[in-house]
Amino acid sequence: MCLIKPPVKKNTIPIDLKLRAVERARFAHQVAEKRRLIKQYKMERERQQKLEEEEEIKRLRKELIPKAQLMPYFDRPFVPRRSEKQPTVPREPKFCIPRHKTIKCCRCHAMT
């Protein structure tokens, strides 16, 4: 029984911690810049939307200003004229139900 472990192989890939730290810092800076631009874009869009809403409110208020209506002329009396159409002719109601519109059920056919 051999309890001695075999020697560990040396890592052939060079680990440059300083280069990795510089790349990571550059990446973190890019992410922060991107977040700042997104936040700035959102704020600009909200500001633009607020301005548009204010303009819309101003326009609506300007349109809704009550304006004076002209007085009707009361010096010419209104005289209604008789209609030239023929009066309608009344018809008698139909109280009987046509045979094709009657409700059909099994019991009715069985009894007849």
PDB file of N, CA and C in Angstrom:
ATOM      1  N   MET A   1       0.835  -1.177   0.000  1.00  0.00           N
ATOM      2  CA  MET A   1       0.000   0.000   0.000  1.00  0.00           C
ATOM      3  C   MET A   1       0.873   1.231   0.000  1.00  0.00           C
ATOM      4  N   CYS A   2       0.607   1.973  -1.000  1.00  0.00           N
ATOM      5  CA  CYS A   2       1.397   3.188  -1.141  1.00  0.00           C
ATOM      6  C   CYS A   2       0.502   4.371  -0.835  1.00  0.00           C
ATOM      7  N   LEU A   3       0.777   5.092   0.213  1.00  0.00           N
ATOM      8  CA  LEU A   3      -0.024   6.244   0.601  1.00  0.00           C
ATOM      9  C   LEU A   3       0.557   7.554   0.084  1.00  0.00           C
ATOM     10  N   ILE A   4       1.657   7.473  -0.615  1.00  0.00           N
ATOM     11  CA  ILE A   4       2.280   8.689  -1.124  1.00  0.00           C
ATOM     12  C   ILE A   4       1.560   9.096  -2.415  1.00  0.00           C
ATOM     13  N   LYS A   5       1.163  10.345  -2.465  1.00  0.00           N
ATOM     14  CA  LYS A   5       0.462  10.855  -3.647  1.00  0.00           C
ATOM     15  C   LYS A   5       1.477  11.187  -4.727  1.00  0.00           C
ATOM     16  N   PRO A   6       1.052  11.069  -5.987  1.00  0.00           N
ATOM     17  CA  PRO A   6       1.960  11.424  -7.068  1.00  0.00           C
ATOM     18  C   PRO A   6       2.156  12.941  -7.100  1.00  0.00           C
ATOM     19  N   PRO A   7       3.279  13.409  -7.617  1.00  0.00           N
ATOM     20  CA  PRO A   7       3.525  14.856  -7.641  1.00  0.00           C
ATOM     21  C   PRO A   7       2.508  15.571  -8.528  1.00  0.00           C
ATOM     22  N   VAL A   8       2.113  16.752  -8.106  1.00  0.00           N
ATOM     23  CA  VAL A   8       1.115  17.558  -8.826  1.00  0.00           C
ATOM     24  C   VAL A   8       1.773  18.165 -10.055  1.00  0.00           C
ATOM     25  N   LYS A   9       1.033  18.140 -11.176  1.00  0.00           N
ATOM     26  CA  LYS A   9       1.576  18.718 -12.400  1.00  0.00           C
ATOM     27  C   LYS A   9       1.530  20.233 -12.277  1.00  0.00           C
ATOM     28  N   LYS A  10       2.522  20.858 -12.790  1.00  0.00           N
ATOM     29  CA  LYS A  10       2.548  22.312 -12.759  1.00  0.00           C
ATOM     30  C   LYS A  10       1.619  22.852 -13.839  1.00  0.00           C
ATOM     31  N   ASN A  11       0.989  23.972 -13.533  1.00  0.00           N
ATOM     32  CA  ASN A  11       0.078  24.631 -14.469  1.00  0.00           C
ATOM     33  C   ASN A  11       0.915  25.278 -15.557  1.00  0.00           C
ATOM     34  N   THR A  12       0.652  24.889 -16.788  1.00  0.00           N
ATOM     35  CA  THR A  12       1.428  25.435 -17.899  1.00  0.00           C
ATOM     36  C   THR A  12       0.855  26.761 -18.396  1.00  0.00           C
ATOM     37  N   ILE A  13      -0.449  27.067 -18.063  1.00  0.00           N
ATOM     38  CA  ILE A  13      -1.065  28.318 -18.478  1.00  0.00           C
ATOM     39  C   ILE A  13      -0.625  29.408 -17.511  1.00  0.00           C
ATOM     40  N   PRO A  14      -0.037  30.472 -18.027  1.00  0.00           N
ATOM     41  CA  PRO A  14       0.387  31.538 -17.118  1.00  0.00           C
ATOM     42  C   PRO A  14      -0.836  32.322 -16.609  1.00  0.00           C
ATOM     43  N   ILE A  15      -0.901  32.567 -15.336  1.00  0.00           N
ATOM     44  CA  ILE A  15      -1.987  33.326 -14.723  1.00  0.00           C
ATOM     45  C   ILE A  15      -1.471  34.734 -14.467  1.00  0.00           C
ATOM     46  N   ASP A  16      -2.052  35.678 -15.224  1.00  0.00           N
ATOM     47  CA  ASP A  16      -1.640  37.063 -15.052  1.00  0.00           C
ATOM     48  C   ASP A  16      -2.773  37.782 -14.329  1.00  0.00           C
ATOM     49  N   LEU A  17      -2.671  37.889 -13.023  1.00  0.00           N
ATOM     50  CA  LEU A  17      -3.726  38.478 -12.206  1.00  0.00           C
ATOM     51  C   LEU A  17      -3.898  39.965 -12.487  1.00  0.00           C
ATOM     52  N   LYS A  18      -2.808  40.648 -12.785  1.00  0.00           N
ATOM     53  CA  LYS A  18      -2.913  42.085 -13.046  1.00  0.00           C
ATOM     54  C   LYS A  18      -3.693  42.346 -14.334  1.00  0.00           C
ATOM     55  N   LEU A  19      -3.441  41.571 -15.379  1.00  0.00           N
ATOM     56  CA  LEU A  19      -4.156  41.731 -16.640  1.00  0.00           C
ATOM     57  C   LEU A  19      -5.635  41.424 -16.446  1.00  0.00           C
ATOM     58  N   ARG A  20      -5.918  40.360 -15.700  1.00  0.00           N
ATOM     59  CA  ARG A  20      -7.326  39.990 -15.414  1.00  0.00           C
ATOM     60  C   ARG A  20      -8.018  41.103 -14.647  1.00  0.00           C
ATOM     61  N   ALA A  21      -7.344  41.715 -13.692  1.00  0.00           N
ATOM     62  CA  ALA A  21      -7.936  42.798 -12.908  1.00  0.00           C
ATOM     63  C   ALA A  21      -8.220  44.007 -13.794  1.00  0.00           C
ATOM     64  N   VAL A  22      -7.328  44.303 -14.711  1.00  0.00           N
ATOM     65  CA  VAL A  22      -7.534  45.440 -15.621  1.00  0.00           C
ATOM     66  C   VAL A  22      -8.733  45.176 -16.540  1.00  0.00           C
ATOM     67  N   GLU A  23      -8.829  43.958 -17.087  1.00  0.00           N
ATOM     68  CA  GLU A  23      -9.955  43.610 -17.959  1.00  0.00           C
ATOM     69  C   GLU A  23     -11.277  43.650 -17.194  1.00  0.00           C
ATOM     70  N   ARG A  24     -11.253  43.163 -15.968  1.00  0.00           N
ATOM     71  CA  ARG A  24     -12.469  43.168 -15.142  1.00  0.00           C
ATOM     72  C   ARG A  24     -12.893  44.606 -14.824  1.00  0.00           C
ATOM     73  N   ALA A  25     -11.941  45.465 -14.529  1.00  0.00           N
ATOM     74  CA  ALA A  25     -12.248  46.874 -14.243  1.00  0.00           C
ATOM     75  C   ALA A  25     -12.828  47.547 -15.486  1.00  0.00           C
ATOM     76  N   ARG A  26     -12.277  47.248 -16.656  1.00  0.00           N
ATOM     77  CA  ARG A  26     -12.787  47.812 -17.910  1.00  0.00           C
ATOM     78  C   ARG A  26     -14.229  47.345 -18.157  1.00  0.00           C
ATOM     79  N   PHE A  27     -14.482  46.054 -17.916  1.00  0.00           N
ATOM     80  CA  PHE A  27     -15.824  45.507 -18.092  1.00  0.00           C
ATOM     81  C   PHE A  27     -16.811  46.152 -17.118  1.00  0.00           C
ATOM     82  N   ALA A  28     -16.404  46.289 -15.864  1.00  0.00           N
ATOM     83  CA  ALA A  28     -17.267  46.912 -14.862  1.00  0.00           C
ATOM     84  C   ALA A  28     -17.580  48.361 -15.252  1.00  0.00           C
ATOM     85  N   HIS A  29     -16.585  49.060 -15.807  1.00  0.00           N
ATOM     86  CA  HIS A  29     -16.793  50.433 -16.246  1.00  0.00           C
ATOM     87  C   HIS A  29     -17.791  50.486 -17.413  1.00  0.00           C
ATOM     88  N   GLN A  30     -17.687  49.536 -18.355  1.00  0.00           N
ATOM     89  CA  GLN A  30     -18.627  49.481 -19.479  1.00  0.00           C
ATOM     90  C   GLN A  30     -20.050  49.236 -18.996  1.00  0.00           C
ATOM     91  N   VAL A  31     -20.199  48.312 -18.039  1.00  0.00           N
ATOM     92  CA  VAL A  31     -21.529  48.005 -17.498  1.00  0.00           C
ATOM     93  C   VAL A  31     -22.112  49.235 -16.804  1.00  0.00           C
ATOM     94  N   ALA A  32     -21.293  49.910 -16.010  1.00  0.00           N
ATOM     95  CA  ALA A  32     -21.759  51.110 -15.307  1.00  0.00           C
ATOM     96  C   ALA A  32     -22.150  52.201 -16.305  1.00  0.00           C
ATOM     97  N   GLU A  33     -21.368  52.365 -17.370  1.00  0.00           N
ATOM     98  CA  GLU A  33     -21.676  53.367 -18.396  1.00  0.00           C
ATOM     99  C   GLU A  33     -22.995  53.041 -19.108  1.00  0.00           C
ATOM    100  N   LYS A  34     -23.188  51.764 -19.404  1.00  0.00           N
ATOM    101  CA  LYS A  34     -24.422  51.345 -20.060  1.00  0.00           C
ATOM    102  C   LYS A  34     -25.636  51.596 -19.168  1.00  0.00           C
ATOM    103  N   ARG A  35     -25.533  51.267 -17.885  1.00  0.00           N
ATOM    104  CA  ARG A  35     -26.631  51.520 -16.943  1.00  0.00           C
ATOM    105  C   ARG A  35     -26.919  53.017 -16.836  1.00  0.00           C
ATOM    106  N   ARG A  36     -25.860  53.836 -16.821  1.00  0.00           N
ATOM    107  CA  ARG A  36     -26.043  55.284 -16.725  1.00  0.00           C
ATOM    108  C   ARG A  36     -26.770  55.818 -17.973  1.00  0.00           C
ATOM    109  N   LEU A  37     -26.400  55.311 -19.148  1.00  0.00           N
ATOM    110  CA  LEU A  37     -27.057  55.743 -20.382  1.00  0.00           C
ATOM    111  C   LEU A  37     -28.528  55.327 -20.408  1.00  0.00           C
ATOM    112  N   ILE A  38     -28.812  54.112 -19.944  1.00  0.00           N
ATOM    113  CA  ILE A  38     -30.200  53.646 -19.896  1.00  0.00           C
ATOM    114  C   ILE A  38     -31.019  54.509 -18.954  1.00  0.00           C
ATOM    115  N   LYS A  39     -30.462  54.812 -17.791  1.00  0.00           N
ATOM    116  CA  LYS A  39     -31.157  55.651 -16.816  1.00  0.00           C
ATOM    117  C   LYS A  39     -31.393  57.053 -17.389  1.00  0.00           C
ATOM    118  N   GLN A  40     -30.386  57.594 -18.068  1.00  0.00           N
ATOM    119  CA  GLN A  40     -30.510  58.921 -18.673  1.00  0.00           C
ATOM    120  C   GLN A  40     -31.577  58.903 -19.771  1.00  0.00           C
ATOM    121  N   TYR A  41     -31.616  57.844 -20.566  1.00  0.00           N
ATOM    122  CA  TYR A  41     -32.612  57.727 -21.629  1.00  0.00           C
ATOM    123  C   TYR A  41     -34.020  57.665 -21.039  1.00  0.00           C
ATOM    124  N   LYS A  42     -34.197  56.887 -19.959  1.00  0.00           N
ATOM    125  CA  LYS A  42     -35.507  56.785 -19.312  1.00  0.00           C
ATOM    126  C   LYS A  42     -35.956  58.141 -18.779  1.00  0.00           C
ATOM    127  N   MET A  43     -35.049  58.856 -18.132  1.00  0.00           N
ATOM    128  CA  MET A  43     -35.396  60.166 -17.587  1.00  0.00           C
ATOM    129  C   MET A  43     -35.776  61.130 -18.710  1.00  0.00           C
ATOM    130  N   GLU A  44     -35.043  61.097 -19.818  1.00  0.00           N
ATOM    131  CA  GLU A  44     -35.338  61.967 -20.956  1.00  0.00           C
ATOM    132  C   GLU A  44     -36.702  61.631 -21.556  1.00  0.00           C
ATOM    133  N   ARG A  45     -36.993  60.346 -21.666  1.00  0.00           N
ATOM    134  CA  ARG A  45     -38.280  59.916 -22.211  1.00  0.00           C
ATOM    135  C   ARG A  45     -39.427  60.345 -21.294  1.00  0.00           C
ATOM    136  N   GLU A  46     -39.264  60.189 -19.980  1.00  0.00           N
ATOM    137  CA  GLU A  46     -40.293  60.617 -19.024  1.00  0.00           C
ATOM    138  C   GLU A  46     -40.494  62.132 -19.097  1.00  0.00           C
ATOM    139  N   ARG A  47     -39.409  62.886 -19.219  1.00  0.00           N
ATOM    140  CA  ARG A  47     -39.510  64.341 -19.307  1.00  0.00           C
ATOM    141  C   ARG A  47     -40.254  64.737 -20.580  1.00  0.00           C
ATOM    142  N   GLN A  48     -39.934  64.068 -21.693  1.00  0.00           N
ATOM    143  CA  GLN A  48     -40.595  64.356 -22.965  1.00  0.00           C
ATOM    144  C   GLN A  48     -42.085  64.026 -22.882  1.00  0.00           C
ATOM    145  N   GLN A  49     -42.411  62.908 -22.256  1.00  0.00           N
ATOM    146  CA  GLN A  49     -43.811  62.506 -22.113  1.00  0.00           C
ATOM    147  C   GLN A  49     -44.568  63.504 -21.242  1.00  0.00           C
ATOM    148  N   LYS A  50     -43.936  63.977 -20.177  1.00  0.00           N
ATOM    149  CA  LYS A  50     -44.566  64.961 -19.293  1.00  0.00           C
ATOM    150  C   LYS A  50     -44.843  66.259 -20.047  1.00  0.00           C
ATOM    151  N   LEU A  51     -43.876  66.696 -20.886  1.00  0.00           N
ATOM    152  CA  LEU A  51     -44.085  67.911 -21.681  1.00  0.00           C
ATOM    153  C   LEU A  51     -45.244  67.735 -22.666  1.00  0.00           C
ATOM    154  N   GLU A  52     -45.320  66.566 -23.300  1.00  0.00           N
ATOM    155  CA  GLU A  52     -46.410  66.309 -24.232  1.00  0.00           C
ATOM    156  C   GLU A  52     -47.760  66.329 -23.526  1.00  0.00           C
ATOM    157  N   GLU A  53     -47.832  65.737 -22.326  1.00  0.00           N
ATOM    158  CA  GLU A  53     -49.081  65.737 -21.568  1.00  0.00           C
ATOM    159  C   GLU A  53     -49.484  67.153 -21.180  1.00  0.00           C
ATOM    160  N   GLU A  54     -48.515  67.979 -20.773  1.00  0.00           N
ATOM    161  CA  GLU A  54     -48.816  69.361 -20.421  1.00  0.00           C
ATOM    162  C   GLU A  54     -49.324  70.133 -21.635  1.00  0.00           C
ATOM    163  N   GLU A  55     -48.712  69.916 -22.806  1.00  0.00           N
ATOM    164  CA  GLU A  55     -49.178  70.575 -24.024  1.00  0.00           C
ATOM    165  C   GLU A  55     -50.603  70.139 -24.367  1.00  0.00           C
ATOM    166  N   GLU A  56     -50.878  68.858 -24.196  1.00  0.00           N
ATOM    167  CA  GLU A  56     -52.221  68.334 -24.464  1.00  0.00           C
ATOM    168  C   GLU A  56     -53.239  68.955 -23.512  1.00  0.00           C
ATOM    169  N   ILE A  57     -52.881  69.080 -22.244  1.00  0.00           N
ATOM    170  CA  ILE A  57     -53.776  69.693 -21.254  1.00  0.00           C
ATOM    171  C   ILE A  57     -54.033  71.156 -21.611  1.00  0.00           C
ATOM    172  N   LYS A  58     -52.983  71.889 -22.000  1.00  0.00           N
ATOM    173  CA  LYS A  58     -53.154  73.287 -22.398  1.00  0.00           C
ATOM    174  C   LYS A  58     -54.088  73.403 -23.599  1.00  0.00           C
ATOM    175  N   ARG A  59     -53.902  72.513 -24.581  1.00  0.00           N
ATOM    176  CA  ARG A  59     -54.742  72.547 -25.776  1.00  0.00           C
ATOM    177  C   ARG A  59     -56.197  72.246 -25.430  1.00  0.00           C
ATOM    178  N   LEU A  60     -56.413  71.246 -24.580  1.00  0.00           N
ATOM    179  CA  LEU A  60     -57.780  70.891 -24.196  1.00  0.00           C
ATOM    180  C   LEU A  60     -58.443  72.015 -23.404  1.00  0.00           C
ATOM    181  N   ARG A  61     -57.693  72.645 -22.513  1.00  0.00           N
ATOM    182  CA  ARG A  61     -58.260  73.757 -21.742  1.00  0.00           C
ATOM    183  C   ARG A  61     -58.631  74.916 -22.652  1.00  0.00           C
ATOM    184  N   LYS A  62     -57.815  75.152 -23.664  1.00  0.00           N
ATOM    185  CA  LYS A  62     -58.102  76.239 -24.596  1.00  0.00           C
ATOM    186  C   LYS A  62     -59.370  75.938 -25.389  1.00  0.00           C
ATOM    187  N   GLU A  63     -59.559  74.682 -25.765  1.00  0.00           N
ATOM    188  CA  GLU A  63     -60.754  74.299 -26.521  1.00  0.00           C
ATOM    189  C   GLU A  63     -62.008  74.335 -25.669  1.00  0.00           C
ATOM    190  N   LEU A  64     -61.872  74.049 -24.381  1.00  0.00           N
ATOM    191  CA  LEU A  64     -63.041  73.932 -23.515  1.00  0.00           C
ATOM    192  C   LEU A  64     -63.481  75.254 -22.889  1.00  0.00           C
ATOM    193  N   ILE A  65     -62.941  76.361 -23.344  1.00  0.00           N
ATOM    194  CA  ILE A  65     -63.368  77.661 -22.812  1.00  0.00           C
ATOM    195  C   ILE A  65     -64.805  77.890 -23.258  1.00  0.00           C
ATOM    196  N   PRO A  66     -65.720  78.166 -22.309  1.00  0.00           N
ATOM    197  CA  PRO A  66     -67.109  78.385 -22.710  1.00  0.00           C
ATOM    198  C   PRO A  66     -67.240  79.660 -23.529  1.00  0.00           C
ATOM    199  N   LYS A  67     -67.970  79.557 -24.615  1.00  0.00           N
ATOM    200  CA  LYS A  67     -68.170  80.702 -25.483  1.00  0.00           C
ATOM    201  C   LYS A  67     -69.655  81.026 -25.529  1.00  0.00           C
ATOM    202  N   ALA A  68     -69.975  82.293 -25.737  1.00  0.00           N
ATOM    203  CA  ALA A  68     -71.361  82.748 -25.743  1.00  0.00           C
ATOM    204  C   ALA A  68     -72.118  82.177 -26.933  1.00  0.00           C
ATOM    205  N   GLN A  69     -73.363  81.766 -26.688  1.00  0.00           N
ATOM    206  CA  GLN A  69     -74.239  81.280 -27.741  1.00  0.00           C
ATOM    207  C   GLN A  69     -75.095  82.435 -28.252  1.00  0.00           C
ATOM    208  N   LEU A  70     -75.430  82.406 -29.506  1.00  0.00           N
ATOM    209  CA  LEU A  70     -76.296  83.431 -30.063  1.00  0.00           C
ATOM    210  C   LEU A  70     -77.709  83.272 -29.523  1.00  0.00           C
ATOM    211  N   MET A  71     -78.360  84.403 -29.293  1.00  0.00           N
ATOM    212  CA  MET A  71     -79.739  84.369 -28.814  1.00  0.00           C
ATOM    213  C   MET A  71     -80.663  83.983 -29.968  1.00  0.00           C
ATOM    214  N   PRO A  72     -81.654  83.131 -29.690  1.00  0.00           N
ATOM    215  CA  PRO A  72     -82.597  82.795 -30.764  1.00  0.00           C
ATOM    216  C   PRO A  72     -83.491  84.000 -31.077  1.00  0.00           C
ATOM    217  N   TYR A  73     -83.991  84.025 -32.301  1.00  0.00           N
ATOM    218  CA  TYR A  73     -84.881  85.117 -32.710  1.00  0.00           C
ATOM    219  C   TYR A  73     -86.301  84.809 -32.251  1.00  0.00           C
ATOM    220  N   PHE A  74     -86.845  85.670 -31.383  1.00  0.00           N
ATOM    221  CA  PHE A  74     -88.203  85.484 -30.893  1.00  0.00           C
ATOM    222  C   PHE A  74     -89.187  86.406 -31.619  1.00  0.00           C
ATOM    223  N   ASP A  75     -88.711  87.249 -32.502  1.00  0.00           N
ATOM    224  CA  ASP A  75     -89.610  88.160 -33.196  1.00  0.00           C
ATOM    225  C   ASP A  75     -90.400  87.453 -34.299  1.00  0.00           C
ATOM    226  N   ARG A  76     -89.906  86.304 -34.780  1.00  0.00           N
ATOM    227  CA  ARG A  76     -90.647  85.509 -35.760  1.00  0.00           C
ATOM    228  C   ARG A  76     -91.225  84.295 -35.052  1.00  0.00           C
ATOM    229  N   PRO A  77     -92.512  84.241 -34.853  1.00  0.00           N
ATOM    230  CA  PRO A  77     -93.076  83.084 -34.146  1.00  0.00           C
ATOM    231  C   PRO A  77     -92.986  81.825 -35.010  1.00  0.00           C
ATOM    232  N   PHE A  78     -92.818  80.706 -34.366  1.00  0.00           N
ATOM    233  CA  PHE A  78     -92.724  79.422 -35.054  1.00  0.00           C
ATOM    234  C   PHE A  78     -94.124  78.849 -35.214  1.00  0.00           C
ATOM    235  N   VAL A  79     -94.518  78.594 -36.453  1.00  0.00           N
ATOM    236  CA  VAL A  79     -95.820  77.996 -36.737  1.00  0.00           C
ATOM    237  C   VAL A  79     -95.556  76.657 -37.416  1.00  0.00           C
ATOM    238  N   PRO A  80     -95.901  75.555 -36.760  1.00  0.00           N
ATOM    239  CA  PRO A  80     -95.651  74.247 -37.372  1.00  0.00           C
ATOM    240  C   PRO A  80     -96.592  74.009 -38.550  1.00  0.00           C
ATOM    241  N   ARG A  81     -96.086  73.354 -39.585  1.00  0.00           N
ATOM    242  CA  ARG A  81     -96.898  73.032 -40.751  1.00  0.00           C
ATOM    243  C   ARG A  81     -97.414  71.606 -40.659  1.00  0.00           C
ATOM    244  N   ARG A  82     -98.487  71.374 -41.338  1.00  0.00           N
ATOM    245  CA  ARG A  82     -99.059  70.030 -41.355  1.00  0.00           C
ATOM    246  C   ARG A  82     -98.183  69.124 -42.218  1.00  0.00           C
ATOM    247  N   SER A  83     -98.014  67.884 -41.809  1.00  0.00           N
ATOM    248  CA  SER A  83     -97.184  66.941 -42.527  1.00  0.00           C
ATOM    249  C   SER A  83     -97.837  66.552 -43.844  1.00  0.00           C
ATOM    250  N   GLU A  84     -97.030  66.317 -44.829  1.00  0.00           N
ATOM    251  CA  GLU A  84     -97.530  65.920 -46.147  1.00  0.00           C
ATOM    252  C   GLU A  84     -97.547  64.405 -46.317  1.00  0.00           C
ATOM    253  N   LYS A  85     -97.030  63.674 -45.346  1.00  0.00           N
ATOM    254  CA  LYS A  85     -97.009  62.206 -45.419  1.00  0.00           C
ATOM    255  C   LYS A  85     -98.390  61.646 -45.092  1.00  0.00           C
ATOM    256  N   GLN A  86     -98.664  60.461 -45.625  1.00  0.00           N
ATOM    257  CA  GLN A  86     -99.920  59.777 -45.330  1.00  0.00           C
ATOM    258  C   GLN A  86     -99.844  59.169 -43.937  1.00  0.00           C
ATOM    259  N   PRO A  87    -100.947  59.182 -43.180  1.00  0.00           N
ATOM    260  CA  PRO A  87    -100.905  58.548 -41.862  1.00  0.00           C
ATOM    261  C   PRO A  87    -100.766  57.034 -41.999  1.00  0.00           C
ATOM    262  N   THR A  88    -100.237  56.406 -40.976  1.00  0.00           N
ATOM    263  CA  THR A  88    -100.052  54.950 -41.010  1.00  0.00           C
ATOM    264  C   THR A  88    -101.387  54.258 -40.836  1.00  0.00           C
ATOM    265  N   VAL A  89    -101.500  53.094 -41.444  1.00  0.00           N
ATOM    266  CA  VAL A  89    -102.733  52.315 -41.359  1.00  0.00           C
ATOM    267  C   VAL A  89    -102.528  51.230 -40.311  1.00  0.00           C
ATOM    268  N   PRO A  90    -103.378  51.191 -39.279  1.00  0.00           N
ATOM    269  CA  PRO A  90    -103.189  50.165 -38.245  1.00  0.00           C
ATOM    270  C   PRO A  90    -103.566  48.783 -38.771  1.00  0.00           C
ATOM    271  N   ARG A  91    -102.886  47.741 -38.249  1.00  0.00           N
ATOM    272  CA  ARG A  91    -103.184  46.368 -38.625  1.00  0.00           C
ATOM    273  C   ARG A  91    -103.641  45.604 -37.398  1.00  0.00           C
ATOM    274  N   GLU A  92    -104.419  44.590 -37.641  1.00  0.00           N
ATOM    275  CA  GLU A  92    -104.876  43.740 -36.549  1.00  0.00           C
ATOM    276  C   GLU A  92    -103.721  42.829 -36.115  1.00  0.00           C
ATOM    277  N   PRO A  93    -103.563  42.597 -34.808  1.00  0.00           N
ATOM    278  CA  PRO A  93    -102.498  41.685 -34.366  1.00  0.00           C
ATOM    279  C   PRO A  93    -102.844  40.237 -34.694  1.00  0.00           C
ATOM    280  N   LYS A  94    -101.808  39.426 -34.945  1.00  0.00           N
ATOM    281  CA  LYS A  94    -102.008  38.002 -35.224  1.00  0.00           C
ATOM    282  C   LYS A  94    -101.779  37.237 -33.933  1.00  0.00           C
ATOM    283  N   PHE A  95    -102.853  36.686 -33.399  1.00  0.00           N
ATOM    284  CA  PHE A  95    -102.737  35.954 -32.138  1.00  0.00           C
ATOM    285  C   PHE A  95    -102.501  34.461 -32.345  1.00  0.00           C
ATOM    286  N   CYS A  96    -102.715  33.933 -33.526  1.00  0.00           N
ATOM    287  CA  CYS A  96    -102.479  32.512 -33.751  1.00  0.00           C
ATOM    288  C   CYS A  96    -101.003  32.287 -34.078  1.00  0.00           C
ATOM    289  N   ILE A  97    -100.476  31.169 -33.583  1.00  0.00           N
ATOM    290  CA  ILE A  97     -99.071  30.834 -33.813  1.00  0.00           C
ATOM    291  C   ILE A  97     -99.007  29.911 -35.024  1.00  0.00           C
ATOM    292  N   PRO A  98     -98.184  30.230 -36.012  1.00  0.00           N
ATOM    293  CA  PRO A  98     -98.084  29.334 -37.177  1.00  0.00           C
ATOM    294  C   PRO A  98     -97.591  27.953 -36.766  1.00  0.00           C
ATOM    295  N   ARG A  99     -97.986  26.944 -37.545  1.00  0.00           N
ATOM    296  CA  ARG A  99     -97.688  25.558 -37.202  1.00  0.00           C
ATOM    297  C   ARG A  99     -96.179  25.283 -37.182  1.00  0.00           C
ATOM    298  N   HIS A 100     -95.422  25.907 -38.043  1.00  0.00           N
ATOM    299  CA  HIS A 100     -93.986  25.633 -38.106  1.00  0.00           C
ATOM    300  C   HIS A 100     -93.219  26.296 -36.942  1.00  0.00           C
ATOM    301  N   LYS A 101     -93.862  27.206 -36.211  1.00  0.00           N
ATOM    302  CA  LYS A 101     -93.193  27.842 -35.078  1.00  0.00           C
ATOM    303  C   LYS A 101     -93.611  27.264 -33.730  1.00  0.00           C
ATOM    304  N   THR A 102     -94.438  26.280 -33.720  1.00  0.00           N
ATOM    305  CA  THR A 102     -94.872  25.676 -32.461  1.00  0.00           C
ATOM    306  C   THR A 102     -93.739  24.863 -31.865  1.00  0.00           C
ATOM    307  N   ILE A 103     -93.771  24.714 -30.541  1.00  0.00           N
ATOM    308  CA  ILE A 103     -92.740  23.960 -29.821  1.00  0.00           C
ATOM    309  C   ILE A 103     -93.060  22.478 -29.971  1.00  0.00           C
ATOM    310  N   LYS A 104     -92.054  21.739 -30.401  1.00  0.00           N
ATOM    311  CA  LYS A 104     -92.230  20.306 -30.588  1.00  0.00           C
ATOM    312  C   LYS A 104     -91.533  19.575 -29.453  1.00  0.00           C
ATOM    313  N   CYS A 105     -92.241  18.634 -28.856  1.00  0.00           N
ATOM    314  CA  CYS A 105     -91.622  17.812 -27.816  1.00  0.00           C
ATOM    315  C   CYS A 105     -92.099  16.377 -27.971  1.00  0.00           C
ATOM    316  N   CYS A 106     -91.495  15.477 -27.264  1.00  0.00           N
ATOM    317  CA  CYS A 106     -91.781  14.060 -27.395  1.00  0.00           C
ATOM    318  C   CYS A 106     -93.180  13.717 -26.896  1.00  0.00           C
ATOM    319  N   ARG A 107     -93.602  14.349 -25.788  1.00  0.00           N
ATOM    320  CA  ARG A 107     -94.892  14.032 -25.183  1.00  0.00           C
ATOM    321  C   ARG A 107     -96.045  14.432 -26.106  1.00  0.00           C
ATOM    322  N   CYS A 108     -95.881  15.558 -26.776  1.00  0.00           N
ATOM    323  CA  CYS A 108     -96.957  16.029 -27.655  1.00  0.00           C
ATOM    324  C   CYS A 108     -97.189  15.040 -28.788  1.00  0.00           C
ATOM    325  N   HIS A 109     -96.124  14.513 -29.369  1.00  0.00           N
ATOM    326  CA  HIS A 109     -96.255  13.559 -30.465  1.00  0.00           C
ATOM    327  C   HIS A 109     -96.768  12.210 -29.958  1.00  0.00           C
ATOM    328  N   ALA A 110     -96.407  11.863 -28.733  1.00  0.00           N
ATOM    329  CA  ALA A 110     -96.828  10.582 -28.196  1.00  0.00           C
ATOM    330  C   ALA A 110     -98.322  10.599 -27.901  1.00  0.00           C
ATOM    331  N   MET A 111     -98.846  11.737 -27.472  1.00  0.00           N
ATOM    332  CA  MET A 111    -100.269  11.830 -27.128  1.00  0.00           C
ATOM    333  C   MET A 111    -101.151  11.882 -28.369  1.00  0.00           C
ATOM    334  N   THR A 112    -100.663  12.443 -29.464  1.00  0.00           N
ATOM    335  CA  THR A 112    -101.502  12.567 -30.649  1.00  0.00           C
ATOM    336  C   THR A 112    -101.535  11.313 -31.474  1.00  0.00           C
TER     337      THR A 112
END
